[in-house]
N, C-alpha and C. Protein backbone atom coordinates (compact mmCIF):
# COMPACT_ATOMS: atom_id res chain seq x y z
N MET A 1 11.24 5.06 34.81
CA MET A 1 12.27 5.74 34.03
C MET A 1 13.01 4.71 33.18
N ARG A 2 13.22 5.04 31.90
CA ARG A 2 13.96 4.15 31.01
C ARG A 2 15.32 4.79 30.71
N VAL A 3 16.38 4.07 30.99
CA VAL A 3 17.73 4.61 30.91
C VAL A 3 18.57 3.80 29.94
N LEU A 4 19.38 4.49 29.14
CA LEU A 4 20.37 3.82 28.29
C LEU A 4 21.74 4.05 28.90
N ILE A 5 22.46 2.96 29.16
CA ILE A 5 23.81 3.03 29.73
C ILE A 5 24.80 2.64 28.65
N ILE A 6 25.67 3.58 28.25
CA ILE A 6 26.72 3.28 27.28
C ILE A 6 28.03 3.28 28.04
N GLU A 7 28.51 2.09 28.36
CA GLU A 7 29.66 1.93 29.26
C GLU A 7 30.37 0.62 28.92
N ASP A 8 31.67 0.71 28.58
CA ASP A 8 32.38 -0.51 28.21
C ASP A 8 32.89 -1.30 29.41
N ASP A 9 32.97 -0.67 30.58
CA ASP A 9 33.37 -1.38 31.80
C ASP A 9 32.15 -2.16 32.29
N ARG A 10 32.17 -3.45 32.08
CA ARG A 10 30.99 -4.27 32.39
C ARG A 10 30.66 -4.27 33.88
N THR A 11 31.66 -4.15 34.72
CA THR A 11 31.41 -4.11 36.16
C THR A 11 30.63 -2.85 36.53
N VAL A 12 31.04 -1.72 35.99
CA VAL A 12 30.35 -0.45 36.25
C VAL A 12 28.94 -0.48 35.66
N ALA A 13 28.83 -0.97 34.42
CA ALA A 13 27.53 -1.01 33.76
C ALA A 13 26.55 -1.91 34.52
N ASN A 14 27.01 -3.07 34.95
CA ASN A 14 26.15 -3.99 35.69
C ASN A 14 25.76 -3.42 37.05
N TYR A 15 26.67 -2.69 37.66
CA TYR A 15 26.40 -2.05 38.95
C TYR A 15 25.27 -1.03 38.82
N ILE A 16 25.35 -0.19 37.80
CA ILE A 16 24.31 0.81 37.58
C ILE A 16 22.99 0.15 37.21
N ASN A 17 23.07 -0.84 36.32
CA ASN A 17 21.87 -1.54 35.87
C ASN A 17 21.16 -2.22 37.03
N LYS A 18 21.92 -2.87 37.89
CA LYS A 18 21.35 -3.56 39.05
C LYS A 18 20.67 -2.55 39.99
N GLY A 19 21.33 -1.43 40.24
CA GLY A 19 20.75 -0.42 41.12
C GLY A 19 19.46 0.15 40.56
N LEU A 20 19.42 0.41 39.25
CA LEU A 20 18.20 0.93 38.62
C LEU A 20 17.07 -0.10 38.68
N SER A 21 17.41 -1.35 38.41
CA SER A 21 16.40 -2.42 38.44
C SER A 21 15.79 -2.58 39.82
N GLU A 22 16.61 -2.48 40.86
CA GLU A 22 16.12 -2.61 42.23
C GLU A 22 15.13 -1.50 42.59
N LEU A 23 15.25 -0.36 41.90
CA LEU A 23 14.35 0.77 42.15
C LEU A 23 13.16 0.78 41.19
N GLY A 24 13.07 -0.26 40.36
CA GLY A 24 11.92 -0.38 39.47
C GLY A 24 12.07 0.29 38.13
N HIS A 25 13.29 0.70 37.78
CA HIS A 25 13.53 1.36 36.50
C HIS A 25 14.00 0.32 35.47
N ILE A 26 13.96 0.72 34.20
CA ILE A 26 14.37 -0.16 33.11
C ILE A 26 15.63 0.41 32.47
N ALA A 27 16.60 -0.43 32.22
CA ALA A 27 17.85 0.04 31.61
C ALA A 27 18.28 -0.89 30.48
N ASP A 28 18.76 -0.29 29.41
CA ASP A 28 19.44 -1.02 28.34
C ASP A 28 20.92 -0.69 28.45
N VAL A 29 21.76 -1.67 28.15
CA VAL A 29 23.20 -1.47 28.27
C VAL A 29 23.88 -1.73 26.93
N ALA A 30 24.75 -0.80 26.53
CA ALA A 30 25.58 -0.98 25.34
C ALA A 30 27.03 -0.88 25.78
N HIS A 31 27.84 -1.86 25.40
CA HIS A 31 29.24 -1.89 25.83
C HIS A 31 30.20 -1.28 24.81
N ASP A 32 29.65 -0.79 23.70
CA ASP A 32 30.50 -0.07 22.74
C ASP A 32 29.70 1.06 22.12
N GLY A 33 30.42 2.03 21.56
CA GLY A 33 29.76 3.23 21.07
C GLY A 33 28.87 3.01 19.86
N LYS A 34 29.22 2.05 19.02
CA LYS A 34 28.42 1.80 17.82
C LYS A 34 27.03 1.32 18.20
N GLU A 35 26.97 0.35 19.11
CA GLU A 35 25.68 -0.16 19.57
C GLU A 35 24.93 0.92 20.34
N GLY A 36 25.65 1.68 21.16
CA GLY A 36 25.03 2.73 21.94
C GLY A 36 24.40 3.80 21.08
N LEU A 37 25.10 4.22 20.02
CA LEU A 37 24.56 5.24 19.12
C LEU A 37 23.32 4.73 18.41
N PHE A 38 23.34 3.45 18.02
CA PHE A 38 22.18 2.86 17.35
C PHE A 38 20.97 2.88 18.27
N LEU A 39 21.14 2.45 19.51
CA LEU A 39 20.02 2.42 20.45
C LEU A 39 19.53 3.84 20.75
N ALA A 40 20.44 4.77 20.92
CA ALA A 40 20.07 6.14 21.27
C ALA A 40 19.30 6.83 20.16
N THR A 41 19.48 6.39 18.93
CA THR A 41 18.80 7.02 17.80
C THR A 41 17.56 6.26 17.34
N THR A 42 17.37 5.04 17.81
CA THR A 42 16.22 4.25 17.36
C THR A 42 15.23 3.95 18.48
N GLU A 43 15.61 4.17 19.71
CA GLU A 43 14.72 3.93 20.85
C GLU A 43 14.53 5.22 21.63
N LYS A 44 13.51 5.25 22.45
CA LYS A 44 13.21 6.43 23.26
C LYS A 44 13.62 6.18 24.71
N TYR A 45 14.47 7.05 25.24
CA TYR A 45 14.92 6.93 26.62
C TYR A 45 14.65 8.23 27.38
N ASP A 46 14.46 8.09 28.68
CA ASP A 46 14.27 9.27 29.53
C ASP A 46 15.60 9.94 29.84
N VAL A 47 16.65 9.13 30.01
CA VAL A 47 17.97 9.65 30.34
C VAL A 47 19.03 8.73 29.74
N LEU A 48 20.18 9.32 29.42
CA LEU A 48 21.31 8.57 28.87
C LEU A 48 22.52 8.75 29.79
N VAL A 49 23.12 7.62 30.19
CA VAL A 49 24.38 7.64 30.95
C VAL A 49 25.48 7.27 29.98
N LEU A 50 26.44 8.18 29.79
CA LEU A 50 27.41 8.03 28.72
C LEU A 50 28.85 8.11 29.22
N ASP A 51 29.62 7.05 28.97
CA ASP A 51 31.05 7.07 29.25
C ASP A 51 31.75 7.69 28.05
N ARG A 52 32.74 8.52 28.29
CA ARG A 52 33.43 9.18 27.19
C ARG A 52 34.32 8.23 26.41
N MET A 53 34.92 7.28 27.10
CA MET A 53 35.91 6.41 26.44
C MET A 53 35.35 5.02 26.20
N VAL A 54 34.49 4.90 25.19
CA VAL A 54 33.95 3.59 24.79
C VAL A 54 34.50 3.26 23.40
N PRO A 55 34.67 1.98 23.09
CA PRO A 55 35.28 1.59 21.81
C PRO A 55 34.38 1.83 20.61
N HIS A 56 34.99 1.85 19.43
CA HIS A 56 34.35 1.98 18.12
C HIS A 56 33.86 3.41 17.84
N VAL A 57 32.98 3.93 18.68
CA VAL A 57 32.55 5.33 18.57
C VAL A 57 32.63 5.92 19.96
N ASP A 58 33.48 6.93 20.15
CA ASP A 58 33.67 7.46 21.51
C ASP A 58 32.48 8.29 21.97
N GLY A 59 32.41 8.52 23.27
CA GLY A 59 31.27 9.20 23.86
C GLY A 59 31.01 10.59 23.33
N MET A 60 32.06 11.37 23.09
CA MET A 60 31.87 12.72 22.58
C MET A 60 31.31 12.71 21.17
N THR A 61 31.74 11.76 20.37
CA THR A 61 31.20 11.63 19.00
C THR A 61 29.73 11.26 19.05
N ILE A 62 29.37 10.36 19.97
CA ILE A 62 27.96 9.98 20.15
C ILE A 62 27.13 11.20 20.51
N LEU A 63 27.61 11.96 21.48
CA LEU A 63 26.87 13.13 21.94
C LEU A 63 26.71 14.16 20.83
N ASN A 64 27.78 14.42 20.10
CA ASN A 64 27.72 15.37 18.99
C ASN A 64 26.73 14.91 17.92
N ALA A 65 26.72 13.60 17.64
CA ALA A 65 25.82 13.05 16.62
C ALA A 65 24.36 13.18 17.05
N LEU A 66 24.09 12.93 18.33
CA LEU A 66 22.72 13.04 18.82
C LEU A 66 22.22 14.47 18.74
N ARG A 67 23.03 15.41 19.21
CA ARG A 67 22.59 16.81 19.20
C ARG A 67 22.47 17.35 17.78
N ALA A 68 23.33 16.91 16.88
CA ALA A 68 23.24 17.33 15.49
C ALA A 68 21.97 16.80 14.84
N SER A 69 21.49 15.66 15.34
CA SER A 69 20.25 15.05 14.81
C SER A 69 19.01 15.55 15.55
N LYS A 70 19.20 16.56 16.41
CA LYS A 70 18.09 17.15 17.18
C LYS A 70 17.49 16.18 18.18
N ILE A 71 18.27 15.18 18.60
CA ILE A 71 17.83 14.25 19.64
C ILE A 71 18.30 14.81 20.98
N ASP A 72 17.35 15.23 21.81
CA ASP A 72 17.71 15.96 23.03
C ASP A 72 17.55 15.14 24.30
N THR A 73 17.72 13.82 24.20
CA THR A 73 17.65 12.98 25.39
C THR A 73 18.60 13.50 26.47
N PRO A 74 18.09 13.80 27.67
CA PRO A 74 18.97 14.29 28.74
C PRO A 74 20.13 13.32 28.96
N THR A 75 21.34 13.85 28.99
CA THR A 75 22.53 13.00 29.04
C THR A 75 23.46 13.41 30.18
N ILE A 76 23.90 12.42 30.93
CA ILE A 76 24.91 12.65 31.96
C ILE A 76 26.16 11.88 31.57
N ILE A 77 27.26 12.58 31.46
CA ILE A 77 28.54 11.93 31.17
C ILE A 77 29.11 11.38 32.47
N LEU A 78 29.53 10.12 32.43
CA LEU A 78 30.15 9.47 33.58
C LEU A 78 31.53 9.02 33.13
N SER A 79 32.57 9.71 33.61
CA SER A 79 33.89 9.50 33.04
C SER A 79 35.00 9.58 34.08
N ALA A 80 36.09 8.90 33.78
CA ALA A 80 37.28 9.01 34.62
C ALA A 80 38.03 10.31 34.35
N LYS A 81 37.70 10.95 33.24
CA LYS A 81 38.30 12.25 32.91
C LYS A 81 37.62 13.32 33.75
N GLY A 82 38.34 13.84 34.74
CA GLY A 82 37.70 14.75 35.69
C GLY A 82 38.28 16.15 35.75
N LYS A 83 39.15 16.50 34.80
CA LYS A 83 39.70 17.85 34.79
C LYS A 83 38.62 18.86 34.39
N VAL A 84 38.82 20.11 34.79
CA VAL A 84 37.85 21.15 34.48
C VAL A 84 37.63 21.25 32.98
N GLU A 85 38.71 21.20 32.20
CA GLU A 85 38.57 21.32 30.74
C GLU A 85 37.80 20.15 30.14
N ASP A 86 37.92 18.97 30.76
CA ASP A 86 37.15 17.81 30.29
C ASP A 86 35.66 18.03 30.52
N LYS A 87 35.32 18.55 31.70
CA LYS A 87 33.92 18.81 32.02
C LYS A 87 33.34 19.89 31.11
N VAL A 88 34.10 20.94 30.91
CA VAL A 88 33.65 22.04 30.05
C VAL A 88 33.40 21.54 28.63
N LEU A 89 34.31 20.71 28.13
CA LEU A 89 34.17 20.15 26.79
C LEU A 89 32.90 19.32 26.67
N GLY A 90 32.65 18.49 27.69
CA GLY A 90 31.46 17.65 27.66
C GLY A 90 30.17 18.45 27.72
N LEU A 91 30.13 19.45 28.57
CA LEU A 91 28.93 20.28 28.71
C LEU A 91 28.68 21.11 27.46
N LYS A 92 29.74 21.63 26.86
CA LYS A 92 29.58 22.41 25.64
C LYS A 92 29.14 21.55 24.46
N ALA A 93 29.46 20.25 24.53
CA ALA A 93 29.04 19.34 23.46
C ALA A 93 27.56 18.99 23.56
N GLY A 94 26.93 19.35 24.68
CA GLY A 94 25.50 19.09 24.82
C GLY A 94 25.11 18.22 25.98
N ALA A 95 26.08 17.82 26.81
CA ALA A 95 25.72 17.03 28.00
C ALA A 95 24.98 17.91 28.99
N ASP A 96 24.05 17.31 29.72
CA ASP A 96 23.27 18.07 30.71
C ASP A 96 23.91 18.01 32.09
N ASP A 97 24.78 17.02 32.30
CA ASP A 97 25.45 16.88 33.59
C ASP A 97 26.73 16.09 33.37
N TYR A 98 27.62 16.14 34.36
CA TYR A 98 28.92 15.47 34.23
C TYR A 98 29.33 14.96 35.61
N MET A 99 29.60 13.66 35.70
CA MET A 99 30.08 13.06 36.93
C MET A 99 31.39 12.33 36.67
N THR A 100 32.26 12.33 37.66
CA THR A 100 33.54 11.64 37.51
C THR A 100 33.55 10.34 38.30
N LYS A 101 34.33 9.39 37.82
CA LYS A 101 34.53 8.11 38.50
C LYS A 101 35.71 8.24 39.46
N PRO A 102 35.69 7.55 40.60
CA PRO A 102 34.59 6.72 41.12
C PRO A 102 33.41 7.58 41.56
N PHE A 103 32.24 6.97 41.67
CA PHE A 103 31.03 7.71 41.98
C PHE A 103 30.16 6.92 42.95
N ALA A 104 29.23 7.60 43.56
CA ALA A 104 28.26 6.95 44.45
C ALA A 104 26.95 6.79 43.68
N PHE A 105 26.40 5.58 43.69
CA PHE A 105 25.17 5.33 42.96
C PHE A 105 24.05 6.25 43.43
N GLU A 106 23.97 6.52 44.72
CA GLU A 106 22.93 7.38 45.27
C GLU A 106 22.96 8.76 44.62
N GLU A 107 24.15 9.30 44.43
CA GLU A 107 24.26 10.61 43.79
C GLU A 107 23.89 10.53 42.31
N LEU A 108 24.36 9.48 41.64
CA LEU A 108 24.01 9.30 40.23
C LEU A 108 22.50 9.21 40.06
N MET A 109 21.83 8.45 40.94
CA MET A 109 20.39 8.29 40.86
C MET A 109 19.67 9.62 41.05
N ALA A 110 20.15 10.42 41.98
CA ALA A 110 19.54 11.73 42.23
C ALA A 110 19.64 12.62 41.00
N ARG A 111 20.80 12.59 40.36
CA ARG A 111 21.00 13.42 39.17
C ARG A 111 20.15 12.92 38.00
N LEU A 112 20.02 11.60 37.87
CA LEU A 112 19.17 11.04 36.82
C LEU A 112 17.72 11.45 37.01
N GLU A 113 17.25 11.42 38.23
CA GLU A 113 15.86 11.80 38.51
C GLU A 113 15.62 13.28 38.20
N VAL A 114 16.58 14.12 38.51
CA VAL A 114 16.45 15.55 38.21
C VAL A 114 16.33 15.76 36.70
N LEU A 115 17.20 15.10 35.93
CA LEU A 115 17.17 15.25 34.48
C LEU A 115 15.87 14.72 33.89
N SER A 116 15.43 13.57 34.38
CA SER A 116 14.19 12.97 33.88
C SER A 116 12.99 13.86 34.17
N ASN A 117 12.90 14.38 35.39
CA ASN A 117 11.78 15.24 35.77
C ASN A 117 11.79 16.54 34.97
N ARG A 118 12.98 17.07 34.71
CA ARG A 118 13.09 18.31 33.94
C ARG A 118 12.58 18.09 32.52
N GLN A 119 12.93 16.95 31.94
CA GLN A 119 12.49 16.64 30.58
C GLN A 119 10.99 16.43 30.53
N THR A 120 10.43 15.76 31.54
CA THR A 120 8.99 15.51 31.58
C THR A 120 8.21 16.81 31.66
N LYS A 121 8.64 17.72 32.51
CA LYS A 121 7.96 19.01 32.64
C LYS A 121 8.03 19.81 31.36
N SER A 122 9.18 19.75 30.68
CA SER A 122 9.35 20.48 29.43
C SER A 122 8.41 19.94 28.37
N THR A 123 8.28 18.62 28.30
CA THR A 123 7.41 17.99 27.31
C THR A 123 5.95 18.30 27.59
N GLU A 124 5.56 18.30 28.86
CA GLU A 124 4.18 18.55 29.22
C GLU A 124 3.73 19.96 28.84
N LYS A 125 4.64 20.93 28.83
CA LYS A 125 4.29 22.31 28.53
C LYS A 125 4.06 22.53 27.04
N GLU A 126 4.56 21.63 26.21
CA GLU A 126 4.45 21.81 24.77
C GLU A 126 3.07 21.37 24.30
N THR A 127 2.24 22.32 23.89
CA THR A 127 0.87 22.00 23.48
C THR A 127 0.65 22.18 21.98
N VAL A 128 1.58 22.81 21.29
CA VAL A 128 1.49 22.96 19.84
C VAL A 128 2.76 22.37 19.23
N LEU A 129 2.58 21.36 18.38
CA LEU A 129 3.71 20.69 17.74
C LEU A 129 3.80 21.13 16.29
N ARG A 130 5.00 21.45 15.84
CA ARG A 130 5.19 21.94 14.47
C ARG A 130 6.36 21.24 13.80
N VAL A 131 6.23 21.00 12.51
CA VAL A 131 7.34 20.56 11.67
C VAL A 131 7.02 21.02 10.25
N ASN A 132 7.98 21.72 9.65
CA ASN A 132 7.78 22.31 8.33
C ASN A 132 6.47 23.13 8.32
N ASP A 133 5.53 22.81 7.42
CA ASP A 133 4.29 23.58 7.32
C ASP A 133 3.12 22.88 8.02
N LEU A 134 3.45 21.90 8.88
CA LEU A 134 2.42 21.17 9.63
C LEU A 134 2.35 21.67 11.06
N GLU A 135 1.15 21.91 11.55
CA GLU A 135 0.96 22.38 12.93
C GLU A 135 -0.17 21.57 13.59
N VAL A 136 0.13 21.02 14.77
CA VAL A 136 -0.85 20.23 15.51
C VAL A 136 -1.06 20.87 16.88
N ASP A 137 -2.29 21.27 17.16
CA ASP A 137 -2.66 21.87 18.45
C ASP A 137 -3.24 20.75 19.31
N LEU A 138 -2.52 20.38 20.37
CA LEU A 138 -2.94 19.25 21.20
C LEU A 138 -4.16 19.56 22.05
N LEU A 139 -4.36 20.84 22.39
CA LEU A 139 -5.51 21.23 23.20
C LEU A 139 -6.77 21.33 22.36
N ALA A 140 -6.65 22.02 21.23
CA ALA A 140 -7.81 22.16 20.33
C ALA A 140 -8.02 20.93 19.47
N ARG A 141 -6.99 20.05 19.44
CA ARG A 141 -7.00 18.83 18.63
C ARG A 141 -7.27 19.15 17.16
N THR A 142 -6.53 20.14 16.66
CA THR A 142 -6.63 20.51 15.26
C THR A 142 -5.30 20.22 14.56
N VAL A 143 -5.41 19.88 13.27
CA VAL A 143 -4.23 19.61 12.45
C VAL A 143 -4.32 20.49 11.22
N ILE A 144 -3.29 21.29 10.99
CA ILE A 144 -3.28 22.21 9.86
C ILE A 144 -1.97 22.05 9.10
N ARG A 145 -2.08 21.89 7.78
CA ARG A 145 -0.88 21.86 6.94
C ARG A 145 -1.03 22.84 5.79
N ASN A 146 -0.05 23.70 5.68
CA ASN A 146 -0.04 24.73 4.64
C ASN A 146 -1.32 25.55 4.66
N GLY A 147 -1.81 25.83 5.89
CA GLY A 147 -2.99 26.68 6.05
C GLY A 147 -4.32 25.97 5.93
N GLU A 148 -4.32 24.68 5.60
CA GLU A 148 -5.56 23.94 5.43
C GLU A 148 -5.74 22.94 6.57
N GLU A 149 -6.94 22.93 7.15
CA GLU A 149 -7.21 22.01 8.26
C GLU A 149 -7.46 20.60 7.74
N ILE A 150 -6.92 19.62 8.47
CA ILE A 150 -7.04 18.22 8.11
C ILE A 150 -7.82 17.50 9.21
N GLN A 151 -8.82 16.73 8.81
CA GLN A 151 -9.63 15.99 9.77
C GLN A 151 -9.03 14.61 10.00
N LEU A 152 -8.74 14.30 11.25
CA LEU A 152 -8.19 12.99 11.60
C LEU A 152 -9.10 12.28 12.58
N GLN A 153 -9.13 10.95 12.48
CA GLN A 153 -9.81 10.16 13.49
C GLN A 153 -8.96 10.16 14.76
N SER A 154 -9.56 9.76 15.86
CA SER A 154 -8.90 9.82 17.16
C SER A 154 -7.57 9.07 17.17
N ARG A 155 -7.54 7.84 16.65
CA ARG A 155 -6.32 7.05 16.67
C ARG A 155 -5.27 7.65 15.74
N GLU A 156 -5.71 8.20 14.62
CA GLU A 156 -4.79 8.84 13.69
C GLU A 156 -4.13 10.06 14.35
N PHE A 157 -4.93 10.80 15.10
CA PHE A 157 -4.40 11.98 15.79
C PHE A 157 -3.35 11.56 16.83
N THR A 158 -3.66 10.50 17.59
CA THR A 158 -2.73 10.02 18.61
C THR A 158 -1.43 9.52 17.97
N LEU A 159 -1.55 8.86 16.83
CA LEU A 159 -0.39 8.36 16.10
C LEU A 159 0.48 9.52 15.62
N LEU A 160 -0.16 10.53 15.04
CA LEU A 160 0.58 11.70 14.56
C LEU A 160 1.24 12.44 15.72
N GLU A 161 0.52 12.58 16.82
CA GLU A 161 1.08 13.25 18.00
C GLU A 161 2.34 12.54 18.48
N TYR A 162 2.30 11.22 18.53
CA TYR A 162 3.46 10.47 19.01
C TYR A 162 4.64 10.62 18.06
N LEU A 163 4.38 10.56 16.77
CA LEU A 163 5.45 10.74 15.79
C LEU A 163 6.08 12.12 15.89
N LEU A 164 5.24 13.14 16.08
CA LEU A 164 5.74 14.51 16.16
C LEU A 164 6.54 14.75 17.44
N LYS A 165 6.12 14.13 18.53
CA LYS A 165 6.86 14.29 19.78
C LYS A 165 8.23 13.62 19.70
N HIS A 166 8.41 12.77 18.70
CA HIS A 166 9.70 12.11 18.50
C HIS A 166 10.27 12.48 17.13
N LYS A 167 9.93 13.66 16.65
CA LYS A 167 10.40 14.06 15.31
C LYS A 167 11.93 14.04 15.27
N GLY A 168 12.42 13.56 14.14
CA GLY A 168 13.87 13.44 13.99
C GLY A 168 14.41 12.14 14.54
N GLN A 169 13.54 11.33 15.16
CA GLN A 169 13.95 10.04 15.73
C GLN A 169 13.18 8.91 15.06
N VAL A 170 13.82 7.79 14.89
CA VAL A 170 13.14 6.61 14.36
C VAL A 170 12.24 6.03 15.45
N VAL A 171 10.96 5.87 15.12
CA VAL A 171 9.99 5.28 16.04
C VAL A 171 9.72 3.85 15.60
N THR A 172 10.00 2.89 16.46
CA THR A 172 9.85 1.49 16.08
C THR A 172 8.39 1.05 16.18
N ARG A 173 8.09 -0.07 15.57
CA ARG A 173 6.74 -0.63 15.63
C ARG A 173 6.36 -0.98 17.07
N THR A 174 7.33 -1.50 17.83
CA THR A 174 7.06 -1.83 19.22
C THR A 174 6.68 -0.59 20.02
N MET A 175 7.39 0.51 19.78
CA MET A 175 7.07 1.77 20.47
C MET A 175 5.65 2.22 20.13
N LEU A 176 5.25 2.10 18.87
CA LEU A 176 3.90 2.51 18.46
C LEU A 176 2.84 1.61 19.09
N LEU A 177 3.10 0.30 19.09
CA LEU A 177 2.13 -0.63 19.68
C LEU A 177 1.92 -0.32 21.16
N GLU A 178 3.01 -0.03 21.87
CA GLU A 178 2.92 0.21 23.31
C GLU A 178 2.32 1.57 23.65
N ASN A 179 2.65 2.60 22.87
CA ASN A 179 2.27 3.96 23.24
C ASN A 179 1.04 4.51 22.53
N VAL A 180 0.71 3.95 21.38
CA VAL A 180 -0.47 4.41 20.65
C VAL A 180 -1.65 3.46 20.85
N TRP A 181 -1.36 2.15 20.87
CA TRP A 181 -2.44 1.16 21.03
C TRP A 181 -2.45 0.51 22.41
N ASP A 182 -1.44 0.79 23.22
CA ASP A 182 -1.34 0.20 24.56
C ASP A 182 -1.27 -1.32 24.50
N TYR A 183 -0.64 -1.85 23.44
CA TYR A 183 -0.38 -3.28 23.34
C TYR A 183 1.02 -3.55 23.87
N HIS A 184 1.15 -4.55 24.71
CA HIS A 184 2.47 -4.95 25.19
C HIS A 184 2.82 -6.34 24.66
N PHE A 185 2.30 -6.58 23.46
CA PHE A 185 2.59 -7.82 22.74
C PHE A 185 2.34 -7.52 21.26
N ASP A 186 2.84 -8.36 20.39
CA ASP A 186 2.62 -8.18 18.96
C ASP A 186 1.31 -8.84 18.57
N PRO A 187 0.30 -8.07 18.14
CA PRO A 187 -1.00 -8.67 17.80
C PRO A 187 -0.99 -9.42 16.48
N GLN A 188 0.17 -9.42 15.78
CA GLN A 188 0.30 -10.14 14.51
C GLN A 188 -0.72 -9.67 13.48
N THR A 189 -0.93 -8.34 13.42
CA THR A 189 -1.81 -7.76 12.41
C THR A 189 -1.06 -6.63 11.71
N ASN A 190 -1.66 -6.09 10.66
CA ASN A 190 -1.07 -4.97 9.94
C ASN A 190 -1.67 -3.64 10.39
N ILE A 191 -2.09 -3.57 11.65
CA ILE A 191 -2.77 -2.39 12.17
C ILE A 191 -1.92 -1.13 12.02
N ILE A 192 -0.62 -1.23 12.23
CA ILE A 192 0.24 -0.06 12.11
C ILE A 192 0.34 0.38 10.66
N ASP A 193 0.54 -0.55 9.75
CA ASP A 193 0.65 -0.23 8.32
C ASP A 193 -0.61 0.46 7.81
N VAL A 194 -1.76 -0.03 8.24
CA VAL A 194 -3.03 0.54 7.80
C VAL A 194 -3.16 1.99 8.26
N HIS A 195 -2.85 2.26 9.52
CA HIS A 195 -3.00 3.61 10.06
C HIS A 195 -1.94 4.56 9.51
N ILE A 196 -0.72 4.06 9.31
CA ILE A 196 0.31 4.91 8.70
C ILE A 196 -0.10 5.29 7.28
N SER A 197 -0.65 4.33 6.54
CA SER A 197 -1.10 4.59 5.17
C SER A 197 -2.21 5.65 5.15
N ARG A 198 -3.17 5.52 6.05
CA ARG A 198 -4.26 6.50 6.13
C ARG A 198 -3.73 7.87 6.49
N LEU A 199 -2.81 7.90 7.44
CA LEU A 199 -2.25 9.17 7.89
C LEU A 199 -1.47 9.84 6.76
N ARG A 200 -0.71 9.06 6.02
CA ARG A 200 0.04 9.61 4.89
C ARG A 200 -0.90 10.22 3.85
N ASN A 201 -2.00 9.54 3.58
CA ASN A 201 -2.94 10.05 2.59
C ASN A 201 -3.52 11.40 3.00
N LYS A 202 -3.66 11.59 4.30
CA LYS A 202 -4.23 12.84 4.78
C LYS A 202 -3.19 13.93 4.99
N ILE A 203 -1.99 13.53 5.42
CA ILE A 203 -0.96 14.51 5.78
C ILE A 203 -0.07 14.86 4.58
N ASP A 204 0.34 13.85 3.82
CA ASP A 204 1.36 14.06 2.79
C ASP A 204 0.82 14.16 1.36
N LYS A 205 -0.33 13.57 1.10
CA LYS A 205 -0.85 13.55 -0.27
C LYS A 205 -1.08 14.97 -0.77
N GLY A 206 -0.55 15.25 -1.96
CA GLY A 206 -0.73 16.57 -2.55
C GLY A 206 0.32 17.59 -2.15
N HIS A 207 1.28 17.17 -1.31
CA HIS A 207 2.34 18.07 -0.87
C HIS A 207 3.69 17.62 -1.44
N ASP A 208 4.54 18.58 -1.75
CA ASP A 208 5.84 18.27 -2.35
C ASP A 208 6.78 17.57 -1.39
N THR A 209 6.65 17.90 -0.09
CA THR A 209 7.56 17.32 0.90
C THR A 209 6.83 16.32 1.80
N PRO A 210 7.06 15.02 1.61
CA PRO A 210 6.44 14.03 2.51
C PRO A 210 7.11 14.08 3.87
N LEU A 211 6.31 14.10 4.92
CA LEU A 211 6.84 14.21 6.28
C LEU A 211 7.02 12.84 6.94
N ILE A 212 6.14 11.91 6.66
CA ILE A 212 6.21 10.59 7.29
C ILE A 212 7.05 9.66 6.41
N GLN A 213 8.20 9.26 6.92
CA GLN A 213 9.12 8.43 6.15
C GLN A 213 9.28 7.06 6.81
N THR A 214 9.50 6.06 5.98
CA THR A 214 9.74 4.70 6.46
C THR A 214 11.23 4.41 6.47
N LYS A 215 11.72 3.92 7.60
CA LYS A 215 13.09 3.45 7.69
C LYS A 215 13.04 1.92 7.69
N ARG A 216 13.33 1.36 6.53
CA ARG A 216 13.15 -0.08 6.35
C ARG A 216 13.88 -0.90 7.42
N GLY A 217 13.15 -1.80 8.04
CA GLY A 217 13.71 -2.65 9.07
C GLY A 217 13.82 -2.00 10.43
N ALA A 218 13.44 -0.70 10.52
CA ALA A 218 13.57 0.01 11.80
C ALA A 218 12.24 0.58 12.27
N GLY A 219 11.56 1.34 11.42
CA GLY A 219 10.30 1.95 11.84
C GLY A 219 9.97 3.15 10.99
N TYR A 220 9.49 4.20 11.64
CA TYR A 220 9.05 5.40 10.93
C TYR A 220 9.68 6.63 11.57
N ILE A 221 9.72 7.71 10.79
CA ILE A 221 10.31 8.94 11.30
C ILE A 221 9.63 10.14 10.66
N ILE A 222 9.39 11.16 11.46
CA ILE A 222 8.91 12.45 10.95
C ILE A 222 10.16 13.29 10.66
N ALA A 223 10.27 13.77 9.42
CA ALA A 223 11.44 14.56 9.05
C ALA A 223 11.53 15.80 9.92
N GLN A 224 12.71 16.04 10.46
CA GLN A 224 12.95 17.20 11.32
C GLN A 224 12.87 18.47 10.50
N GLY A 225 12.14 19.45 11.01
CA GLY A 225 12.01 20.73 10.30
C GLY A 225 13.29 21.51 10.33
N ASP A 226 13.40 22.46 9.43
CA ASP A 226 14.59 23.31 9.36
C ASP A 226 14.66 24.23 10.56
């Protein structure tokens, strides 16, 4: 499980990070909201642990921004604000769970596992991916745009599938290398550029709305459908 912890209390953040690491999980830590929002929108996480009162960009603003961008990373708010109205506000903003401080790590871990498993099952059930006029059937392995079938090579199909499963999110080159090519190092080649170019020629060429966009210095993104 990969977890993003947005928590300005370094003692609390380190405590959670240490507990996750001991259980074999991976965690990134952001001590302010600006860094946390950047990571949450440019990297892929299984679960997000979010403190409401972090500097620069507060937790509720982060959550609202993520949901408005169609980023549905399961999120648990971990806050000293424990009144009923605080919890209701957080849940209505799009949080999946809410815990108050002080807390027991064992309970937090149990809740994180529930959210992660729920997200995994939801993703596994999705066999047809759509954005705008593009439709990809993962079982039949067919790609259709505007009613016309497009022939893709195996790697191109896997690349498109990964981009679509993260539509609306910036996908970094490292994420593509690890999840599409199974490289856990930089091969120092232009393999990603070549395949993105080929995919664009097949998916976007001849259409008014290009779906595969480059975010300079960050990666690639499939435009979120209406």
